[in-house]
Amino acid sequence: MRPLFEAWAARRETDPDGVGSAAPTEPLRDLGLRLAPVDGRRPPLRLFKDCTVRIDGSEARLRHWHGN
């Protein structure tokens, strides 16, 4: 998976408005990755369908949307 994330990160650096970053995310979406809560009481979030996660060094941001 690392090469897929690295390709996406490299594309984002050259495309700050994000218009061209859709194509590199398709292989990542196809992986079907999910974020599972540690308490186990809430359902997992599907990456790129329910949320996106941005990790930069020791800082992480989660963007979640409702209605999917």
C-alpha atoms as a PDB file:
ATOM      1  CA  MET A   1       0.000   0.000   0.000  1.00  0.00           C
ATOM      2  CA  ARG A   2       2.862   2.373   0.683  1.00  0.00           C
ATOM      3  CA  PRO A   3       3.617   3.008  -3.037  1.00  0.00           C
ATOM      4  CA  LEU A   4      -0.040   3.932  -3.597  1.00  0.00           C
ATOM      5  CA  PHE A   5       0.001   6.470  -0.775  1.00  0.00           C
ATOM      6  CA  GLU A   6       3.367   7.847  -1.888  1.00  0.00           C
ATOM      7  CA  ALA A   7       2.067   8.322  -5.454  1.00  0.00           C
ATOM      8  CA  TRP A   8      -0.967  10.157  -4.084  1.00  0.00           C
ATOM      9  CA  ALA A   9       1.202  12.357  -1.841  1.00  0.00           C
ATOM     10  CA  ALA A  10       3.543  13.207  -4.731  1.00  0.00           C
ATOM     11  CA  ARG A  11       0.596  14.180  -6.903  1.00  0.00           C
ATOM     12  CA  ARG A  12      -0.888  16.394  -4.175  1.00  0.00           C
ATOM     13  CA  GLU A  13       2.383  18.315  -3.860  1.00  0.00           C
ATOM     14  CA  THR A  14       2.246  19.306  -7.534  1.00  0.00           C
ATOM     15  CA  ASP A  15      -1.525  19.888  -7.488  1.00  0.00           C
ATOM     16  CA  PRO A  16      -2.308  22.139  -4.504  1.00  0.00           C
ATOM     17  CA  ASP A  17      -5.962  22.715  -5.451  1.00  0.00           C
ATOM     18  CA  GLY A  18      -6.586  18.948  -5.667  1.00  0.00           C
ATOM     19  CA  VAL A  19      -8.142  18.934  -9.127  1.00  0.00           C
ATOM     20  CA  GLY A  20      -5.767  16.293 -10.525  1.00  0.00           C
ATOM     21  CA  SER A  21      -5.530  14.099  -7.429  1.00  0.00           C
ATOM     22  CA  ALA A  22      -8.644  12.030  -8.167  1.00  0.00           C
ATOM     23  CA  ALA A  23      -6.918   9.497 -10.451  1.00  0.00           C
ATOM     24  CA  PRO A  24      -4.226   8.474  -7.908  1.00  0.00           C
ATOM     25  CA  THR A  25      -6.916   7.903  -5.243  1.00  0.00           C
ATOM     26  CA  GLU A  26      -8.762   5.274  -7.288  1.00  0.00           C
ATOM     27  CA  PRO A  27      -6.348   2.417  -6.420  1.00  0.00           C
ATOM     28  CA  LEU A  28      -6.541   3.481  -2.769  1.00  0.00           C
ATOM     29  CA  ARG A  29     -10.353   3.487  -2.852  1.00  0.00           C
ATOM     30  CA  ASP A  30     -10.318   0.034  -4.403  1.00  0.00           C
ATOM     31  CA  LEU A  31      -8.475  -1.323  -1.341  1.00  0.00           C
ATOM     32  CA  GLY A  32     -11.630  -0.865   0.749  1.00  0.00           C
ATOM     33  CA  LEU A  33      -9.729   0.465   3.777  1.00  0.00           C
ATOM     34  CA  ARG A  34     -11.720   1.300   6.901  1.00  0.00           C
ATOM     35  CA  LEU A  35     -10.968   3.161  10.110  1.00  0.00           C
ATOM     36  CA  ALA A  36     -12.206   1.190  13.095  1.00  0.00           C
ATOM     37  CA  PRO A  37     -12.924   2.959  16.408  1.00  0.00           C
ATOM     38  CA  VAL A  38     -10.943   1.644  19.354  1.00  0.00           C
ATOM     39  CA  ASP A  39     -14.045   1.358  21.536  1.00  0.00           C
ATOM     40  CA  GLY A  40     -15.694  -0.995  19.029  1.00  0.00           C
ATOM     41  CA  ARG A  41     -19.126   0.557  19.571  1.00  0.00           C
ATOM     42  CA  ARG A  42     -19.326   2.657  16.422  1.00  0.00           C
ATOM     43  CA  PRO A  43     -19.204   1.292  12.874  1.00  0.00           C
ATOM     44  CA  PRO A  44     -15.935   1.733  10.972  1.00  0.00           C
ATOM     45  CA  LEU A  45     -15.521   4.627   8.527  1.00  0.00           C
ATOM     46  CA  ARG A  46     -14.723   3.763   4.912  1.00  0.00           C
ATOM     47  CA  LEU A  47     -11.796   5.794   3.627  1.00  0.00           C
ATOM     48  CA  PHE A  48     -12.620   7.984   0.623  1.00  0.00           C
ATOM     49  CA  LYS A  49     -16.327   7.151   0.996  1.00  0.00           C
ATOM     50  CA  ASP A  50     -17.098   8.275   4.554  1.00  0.00           C
ATOM     51  CA  CYS A  51     -13.909  10.158   5.379  1.00  0.00           C
ATOM     52  CA  THR A  52     -10.399  11.150   4.414  1.00  0.00           C
ATOM     53  CA  VAL A  53      -7.388  11.199   6.700  1.00  0.00           C
ATOM     54  CA  ARG A  54      -4.419  13.491   6.233  1.00  0.00           C
ATOM     55  CA  ILE A  55      -1.256  12.623   8.167  1.00  0.00           C
ATOM     56  CA  ASP A  56       1.673  15.018   8.228  1.00  0.00           C
ATOM     57  CA  GLY A  57       4.439  13.946  10.577  1.00  0.00           C
ATOM     58  CA  SER A  58       2.932  13.636  14.049  1.00  0.00           C
ATOM     59  CA  GLU A  59      -0.276  15.503  13.138  1.00  0.00           C
ATOM     60  CA  ALA A  60      -3.364  13.807  11.687  1.00  0.00           C
ATOM     61  CA  ARG A  61      -6.633  15.295  10.477  1.00  0.00           C
ATOM     62  CA  LEU A  62      -9.862  13.468   9.804  1.00  0.00           C
ATOM     63  CA  ARG A  63     -12.536  14.848   7.487  1.00  0.00           C
ATOM     64  CA  HIS A  64     -15.848  13.042   7.834  1.00  0.00           C
ATOM     65  CA  TRP A  65     -19.078  13.667   6.008  1.00  0.00           C
ATOM     66  CA  HIS A  66     -22.589  12.427   6.732  1.00  0.00           C
ATOM     67  CA  GLY A  67     -25.279  11.091   4.484  1.00  0.00           C
ATOM     68  CA  ASN A  68     -23.431   8.309   2.608  1.00  0.00           C
END
